[in-house]
C-alpha atoms as a PDB file:
ATOM      1  CA  UNK A   1      70.315  27.518  87.464  1.00  0.00           C
ATOM      2  CA  UNK A   2      72.586  28.303  84.681  1.00  0.00           C
ATOM      3  CA  UNK A   3      72.148  24.560  83.159  1.00  0.00           C
ATOM      4  CA  UNK A   4      68.282  24.609  83.079  1.00  0.00           C
ATOM      5  CA  UNK A   5      68.308  27.027  80.321  1.00  0.00           C
ATOM      6  CA  UNK A   6      70.549  24.342  78.820  1.00  0.00           C
ATOM      7  CA  UNK A   7      68.168  21.423  80.013  1.00  0.00           C
ATOM      8  CA  UNK A   8      64.831  22.707  79.091  1.00  0.00           C
ATOM      9  CA  UNK A   9      65.361  23.016  75.526  1.00  0.00           C
ATOM     10  CA  UNK A  10      67.175  19.310  75.283  1.00  0.00           C
ATOM     11  CA  UNK A  11      63.779  17.908  77.115  1.00  0.00           C
ATOM     12  CA  UNK A  12      61.269  19.623  74.818  1.00  0.00           C
ATOM     13  CA  UNK A  13      63.533  17.948  71.897  1.00  0.00           C
ATOM     14  CA  UNK A  14      63.394  14.939  73.638  1.00  0.00           C
ATOM     15  CA  UNK A  15      59.515  15.178  74.010  1.00  0.00           C
ATOM     16  CA  UNK A  16      59.011  16.165  70.078  1.00  0.00           C
ATOM     17  CA  UNK A  17      61.098  13.330  68.911  1.00  0.00           C
ATOM     18  CA  UNK A  18      59.320  11.057  71.148  1.00  0.00           C
ATOM     19  CA  UNK A  19      55.829  12.116  69.815  1.00  0.00           C
ATOM     20  CA  UNK A  20      56.959  11.558  66.920  1.00  0.00           C
ATOM     21  CA  UNK A  21      58.797   8.193  67.151  1.00  0.00           C
ATOM     22  CA  UNK A  22      55.954   6.705  69.086  1.00  0.00           C
ATOM     23  CA  UNK A  23      53.961   6.671  65.773  1.00  0.00           C
ATOM     24  CA  UNK A  24      53.976   3.892  63.482  1.00  0.00           C
ATOM     25  CA  UNK A  25      52.985   5.492  60.192  1.00  0.00           C
ATOM     26  CA  UNK A  26      50.556   3.716  57.756  1.00  0.00           C
ATOM     27  CA  UNK A  27      50.113   5.817  55.199  1.00  0.00           C
ATOM     28  CA  UNK A  28      52.456   5.530  52.004  1.00  0.00           C
ATOM     29  CA  UNK A  29      50.483   8.310  50.253  1.00  0.00           C
ATOM     30  CA  UNK A  30      52.451  11.906  49.215  1.00  0.00           C
ATOM     31  CA  UNK A  31      49.184  13.812  48.155  1.00  0.00           C
ATOM     32  CA  UNK A  32      45.469  15.204  49.710  1.00  0.00           C
ATOM     33  CA  UNK A  33      43.816  13.569  46.986  1.00  0.00           C
ATOM     34  CA  UNK A  34      44.968  10.115  47.876  1.00  0.00           C
ATOM     35  CA  UNK A  35      42.684  10.399  50.590  1.00  0.00           C
ATOM     36  CA  UNK A  36      39.669   8.921  51.496  1.00  0.00           C
ATOM     37  CA  UNK A  37      37.530   9.511  55.041  1.00  0.00           C
ATOM     38  CA  UNK A  38      34.318   9.712  56.388  1.00  0.00           C
ATOM     39  CA  UNK A  39      32.070  12.270  57.189  1.00  0.00           C
ATOM     40  CA  UNK A  40      29.900  13.235  60.490  1.00  0.00           C
ATOM     41  CA  UNK A  41      27.174  11.226  58.510  1.00  0.00           C
ATOM     42  CA  UNK A  42      29.116   8.074  57.887  1.00  0.00           C
ATOM     43  CA  UNK A  43      29.515   9.113  54.177  1.00  0.00           C
ATOM     44  CA  UNK A  44      32.684   8.890  52.526  1.00  0.00           C
ATOM     45  CA  UNK A  45      34.529  12.085  51.450  1.00  0.00           C
ATOM     46  CA  UNK A  46      37.237  11.905  48.948  1.00  0.00           C
ATOM     47  CA  UNK A  47      39.218  14.614  48.590  1.00  0.00           C
ATOM     48  CA  UNK A  48      40.399  13.858  45.042  1.00  0.00           C
ATOM     49  CA  UNK A  49      36.396  15.865  44.483  1.00  0.00           C
ATOM     50  CA  UNK A  50      38.597  19.257  45.860  1.00  0.00           C
ATOM     51  CA  UNK A  51      41.230  19.218  43.127  1.00  0.00           C
ATOM     52  CA  UNK A  52      41.803  22.791  42.154  1.00  0.00           C
ATOM     53  CA  UNK A  53      40.704  24.281  45.728  1.00  0.00           C
ATOM     54  CA  UNK A  54      42.807  25.736  47.966  1.00  0.00           C
ATOM     55  CA  UNK A  55      41.639  23.621  51.279  1.00  0.00           C
ATOM     56  CA  UNK A  56      42.040  24.588  54.820  1.00  0.00           C
ATOM     57  CA  UNK A  57      42.273  21.529  57.293  1.00  0.00           C
ATOM     58  CA  UNK A  58      41.420  21.837  60.597  1.00  0.00           C
ATOM     59  CA  UNK A  59      41.331  19.800  63.866  1.00  0.00           C
ATOM     60  CA  UNK A  60      38.226  21.292  66.146  1.00  0.00           C
ATOM     61  CA  UNK A  61      36.477  20.783  69.732  1.00  0.00           C
ATOM     62  CA  UNK A  62      33.376  21.814  70.824  1.00  0.00           C
ATOM     63  CA  UNK A  63      34.641  22.666  74.422  1.00  0.00           C
ATOM     64  CA  UNK A  64      37.672  24.512  74.019  1.00  0.00           C
ATOM     65  CA  UNK A  65      38.381  28.282  74.543  1.00  0.00           C
ATOM     66  CA  UNK A  66      38.959  28.244  71.145  1.00  0.00           C
ATOM     67  CA  UNK A  67      35.963  26.557  70.445  1.00  0.00           C
ATOM     68  CA  UNK A  68      34.259  30.496  69.196  1.00  0.00           C
ATOM     69  CA  UNK A  69      36.616  29.883  66.017  1.00  0.00           C
ATOM     70  CA  UNK A  70      34.101  27.835  64.173  1.00  0.00           C
ATOM     71  CA  UNK A  71      32.270  30.972  63.614  1.00  0.00           C
ATOM     72  CA  UNK A  72      35.412  32.718  61.941  1.00  0.00           C
ATOM     73  CA  UNK A  73      35.900  29.238  59.465  1.00  0.00           C
ATOM     74  CA  UNK A  74      32.214  29.506  58.886  1.00  0.00           C
ATOM     75  CA  UNK A  75      32.729  33.497  57.729  1.00  0.00           C
ATOM     76  CA  UNK A  76      35.677  32.774  55.644  1.00  0.00           C
ATOM     77  CA  UNK A  77      34.584  29.574  54.269  1.00  0.00           C
ATOM     78  CA  UNK A  78      30.944  31.701  53.060  1.00  0.00           C
ATOM     79  CA  UNK A  79      32.688  34.297  51.778  1.00  0.00           C
ATOM     80  CA  UNK A  80      35.391  32.782  49.696  1.00  0.00           C
ATOM     81  CA  UNK A  81      34.207  29.276  48.561  1.00  0.00           C
ATOM     82  CA  UNK A  82      32.806  30.474  45.263  1.00  0.00           C
ATOM     83  CA  UNK A  83      35.023  33.626  44.137  1.00  0.00           C
ATOM     84  CA  UNK A  84      38.289  32.132  45.285  1.00  0.00           C
ATOM     85  CA  UNK A  85      37.237  28.117  44.833  1.00  0.00           C
ATOM     86  CA  UNK A  86      38.334  27.770  48.904  1.00  0.00           C
ATOM     87  CA  UNK A  87      37.051  25.312  51.419  1.00  0.00           C
ATOM     88  CA  UNK A  88      36.751  24.304  55.003  1.00  0.00           C
ATOM     89  CA  UNK A  89      37.576  20.718  56.460  1.00  0.00           C
ATOM     90  CA  UNK A  90      36.676  20.182  60.004  1.00  0.00           C
ATOM     91  CA  UNK A  91      38.173  17.062  62.307  1.00  0.00           C
ATOM     92  CA  UNK A  92      36.889  16.910  65.509  1.00  0.00           C
ATOM     93  CA  UNK A  93      39.392  15.175  67.509  1.00  0.00           C
ATOM     94  CA  UNK A  94      39.468  14.945  71.955  1.00  0.00           C
ATOM     95  CA  UNK A  95      43.431  14.928  71.841  1.00  0.00           C
ATOM     96  CA  UNK A  96      43.287  17.838  74.110  1.00  0.00           C
ATOM     97  CA  UNK A  97      41.950  17.553  77.304  1.00  0.00           C
ATOM     98  CA  UNK A  98      38.748  15.666  76.547  1.00  0.00           C
ATOM     99  CA  UNK A  99      37.674  18.816  74.813  1.00  0.00           C
ATOM    100  CA  UNK A 100      35.371  16.913  72.023  1.00  0.00           C
ATOM    101  CA  UNK A 101      33.953  14.526  74.059  1.00  0.00           C
ATOM    102  CA  UNK A 102      30.509  14.045  71.654  1.00  0.00           C
ATOM    103  CA  UNK A 103      30.160  11.467  69.186  1.00  0.00           C
ATOM    104  CA  UNK A 104      29.802  12.126  65.581  1.00  0.00           C
ATOM    105  CA  UNK A 105      25.671  13.224  65.720  1.00  0.00           C
ATOM    106  CA  UNK A 106      26.463  15.232  68.826  1.00  0.00           C
ATOM    107  CA  UNK A 107      29.169  17.067  67.038  1.00  0.00           C
ATOM    108  CA  UNK A 108      27.055  17.697  63.957  1.00  0.00           C
ATOM    109  CA  UNK A 109      24.354  19.213  66.011  1.00  0.00           C
ATOM    110  CA  UNK A 110      26.326  21.636  68.300  1.00  0.00           C
ATOM    111  CA  UNK A 111      28.184  22.571  65.079  1.00  0.00           C
ATOM    112  CA  UNK A 112      24.897  23.764  63.311  1.00  0.00           C
ATOM    113  CA  UNK A 113      22.908  24.942  66.161  1.00  0.00           C
ATOM    114  CA  UNK A 114      25.873  27.100  67.386  1.00  0.00           C
ATOM    115  CA  UNK A 115      27.680  28.235  64.482  1.00  0.00           C
ATOM    116  CA  UNK A 116      25.772  27.087  61.805  1.00  0.00           C
ATOM    117  CA  UNK A 117      28.710  25.532  60.107  1.00  0.00           C
ATOM    118  CA  UNK A 118      28.014  24.430  56.377  1.00  0.00           C
ATOM    119  CA  UNK A 119      31.524  23.316  55.358  1.00  0.00           C
ATOM    120  CA  UNK A 120      32.325  19.785  55.173  1.00  0.00           C
ATOM    121  CA  UNK A 121      33.504  18.046  58.590  1.00  0.00           C
ATOM    122  CA  UNK A 122      34.336  14.962  59.039  1.00  0.00           C
ATOM    123  CA  UNK A 123      34.046  12.251  61.691  1.00  0.00           C
ATOM    124  CA  UNK A 124      35.565  12.510  64.876  1.00  0.00           C
ATOM    125  CA  UNK A 125      39.761  11.279  64.981  1.00  0.00           C
ATOM    126  CA  UNK A 126      42.748  11.367  66.377  1.00  0.00           C
ATOM    127  CA  UNK A 127      45.132  14.052  65.406  1.00  0.00           C
ATOM    128  CA  UNK A 128      48.320  12.818  67.354  1.00  0.00           C
ATOM    129  CA  UNK A 129      49.767   9.651  69.039  1.00  0.00           C
ATOM    130  CA  UNK A 130      50.038   6.457  68.641  1.00  0.00           C
ATOM    131  CA  UNK A 131      46.403   6.075  66.828  1.00  0.00           C
ATOM    132  CA  UNK A 132      46.806   9.246  64.550  1.00  0.00           C
ATOM    133  CA  UNK A 133      44.512   9.040  61.285  1.00  0.00           C
ATOM    134  CA  UNK A 134      46.619   8.480  58.352  1.00  0.00           C
ATOM    135  CA  UNK A 135      45.207  11.998  56.890  1.00  0.00           C
ATOM    136  CA  UNK A 136      47.291  13.693  59.771  1.00  0.00           C
ATOM    137  CA  UNK A 137      50.124  11.320  59.190  1.00  0.00           C
ATOM    138  CA  UNK A 138      50.555  12.924  55.932  1.00  0.00           C
ATOM    139  CA  UNK A 139      50.102  16.611  57.374  1.00  0.00           C
ATOM    140  CA  UNK A 140      52.658  16.261  60.323  1.00  0.00           C
ATOM    141  CA  UNK A 141      55.199  14.402  58.611  1.00  0.00           C
ATOM    142  CA  UNK A 142      57.816  16.015  55.791  1.00  0.00           C
ATOM    143  CA  UNK A 143      58.597  12.204  54.912  1.00  0.00           C
ATOM    144  CA  UNK A 144      54.976  12.337  53.229  1.00  0.00           C
ATOM    145  CA  UNK A 145      53.948  16.035  52.826  1.00  0.00           C
ATOM    146  CA  UNK A 146      56.990  16.791  51.244  1.00  0.00           C
ATOM    147  CA  UNK A 147      57.055  20.391  53.339  1.00  0.00           C
ATOM    148  CA  UNK A 148      57.902  20.173  57.156  1.00  0.00           C
ATOM    149  CA  UNK A 149      57.712  17.915  60.225  1.00  0.00           C
ATOM    150  CA  UNK A 150      55.014  19.353  62.934  1.00  0.00           C
ATOM    151  CA  UNK A 151      53.438  18.775  65.356  1.00  0.00           C
ATOM    152  CA  UNK A 152      49.400  19.528  66.274  1.00  0.00           C
ATOM    153  CA  UNK A 153      49.868  21.974  69.293  1.00  0.00           C
ATOM    154  CA  UNK A 154      46.283  21.901  69.990  1.00  0.00           C
ATOM    155  CA  UNK A 155      42.754  21.970  68.960  1.00  0.00           C
ATOM    156  CA  UNK A 156      42.170  24.657  65.935  1.00  0.00           C
ATOM    157  CA  UNK A 157      45.666  24.240  64.217  1.00  0.00           C
ATOM    158  CA  UNK A 158      45.325  24.758  60.688  1.00  0.00           C
ATOM    159  CA  UNK A 159      47.109  23.664  57.713  1.00  0.00           C
ATOM    160  CA  UNK A 160      46.685  25.146  54.192  1.00  0.00           C
ATOM    161  CA  UNK A 161      46.683  22.946  51.112  1.00  0.00           C
ATOM    162  CA  UNK A 162      47.603  24.614  48.252  1.00  0.00           C
ATOM    163  CA  UNK A 163      45.711  24.339  44.478  1.00  0.00           C
ATOM    164  CA  UNK A 164      47.967  20.920  44.248  1.00  0.00           C
ATOM    165  CA  UNK A 165      47.344  19.071  46.721  1.00  0.00           C
ATOM    166  CA  UNK A 166      50.455  19.748  48.951  1.00  0.00           C
ATOM    167  CA  UNK A 167      50.859  21.034  52.059  1.00  0.00           C
ATOM    168  CA  UNK A 168      52.012  25.126  51.916  1.00  0.00           C
ATOM    169  CA  UNK A 169      51.637  26.429  55.298  1.00  0.00           C
ATOM    170  CA  UNK A 170      51.321  25.660  59.219  1.00  0.00           C
ATOM    171  CA  UNK A 171      48.956  28.042  61.471  1.00  0.00           C
ATOM    172  CA  UNK A 172      49.317  28.233  64.908  1.00  0.00           C
ATOM    173  CA  UNK A 173      46.137  27.260  66.751  1.00  0.00           C
ATOM    174  CA  UNK A 174      45.587  30.603  68.270  1.00  0.00           C
ATOM    175  CA  UNK A 175      45.487  32.449  65.135  1.00  0.00           C
ATOM    176  CA  UNK A 176      42.177  33.370  64.140  1.00  0.00           C
ATOM    177  CA  UNK A 177      40.762  31.457  60.523  1.00  0.00           C
ATOM    178  CA  UNK A 178      40.167  35.351  59.538  1.00  0.00           C
ATOM    179  CA  UNK A 179      43.654  36.508  60.452  1.00  0.00           C
ATOM    180  CA  UNK A 180      45.079  38.607  57.165  1.00  0.00           C
ATOM    181  CA  UNK A 181      47.943  35.944  57.056  1.00  0.00           C
ATOM    182  CA  UNK A 182      44.875  33.148  56.184  1.00  0.00           C
ATOM    183  CA  UNK A 183      43.252  35.383  54.314  1.00  0.00           C
ATOM    184  CA  UNK A 184      46.066  36.726  52.119  1.00  0.00           C
ATOM    185  CA  UNK A 185      46.848  33.192  51.442  1.00  0.00           C
ATOM    186  CA  UNK A 186      43.125  32.238  50.205  1.00  0.00           C
ATOM    187  CA  UNK A 187      42.957  35.090  48.376  1.00  0.00           C
ATOM    188  CA  UNK A 188      46.830  35.007  46.348  1.00  0.00           C
END
C-alpha cells in the first residue's frame, strides 16, 4: 500500500510531461502583442491594439458547470475597462468533455443572450493537445512566455497579462473572476 503513494506522483508527472511532449511548438512569439487571432465574427484581432492594458485571457465553454463565470467576467470587464485600462479576452474551446459544441455563431448568440457579454470573444480553438493554438502555446510554455509552464486544467482557466504584454499570473478555473486576488491584480 505504501508504494501507491510513491507511484501516484510518478504517474501524474508522466502524464504532465506527456502533455507537453505531445505539443509541437509552432510559435516563436515571446510577447502577447505579437499575436493576431480571429474573433467570433471572423475578423482579425490584433493583440498589439491592447498595448498598455492589463489583460485577462480565459478559455470558455457554454455547457460547463463553470459557465456562470461569464457573468463575473462581464462584471469585472464593465467595472474596470475604463478606470483601470483592463480587458477580458475569451477563447471558446471544446477540449474538456465536449462542453463547447457550438460553432462561432452559436457561441456568440449564447454569450449575448445569457450573459450580455461585450468583452472580445475569439473564434473557437484548441487550448491543449496536438492542435493547441499558437497563443495557448505561448500561455502554457515557459520557453515562450518567460514566466512558467502550465497546463490548461479545465474551462475558465485565467491567464493574467501585464501592461507590457508579459504573462504575470495563472489562475485556477474554479477561482471566480471577481475573486480578490484577481481584482487586486487589476487595480494595483
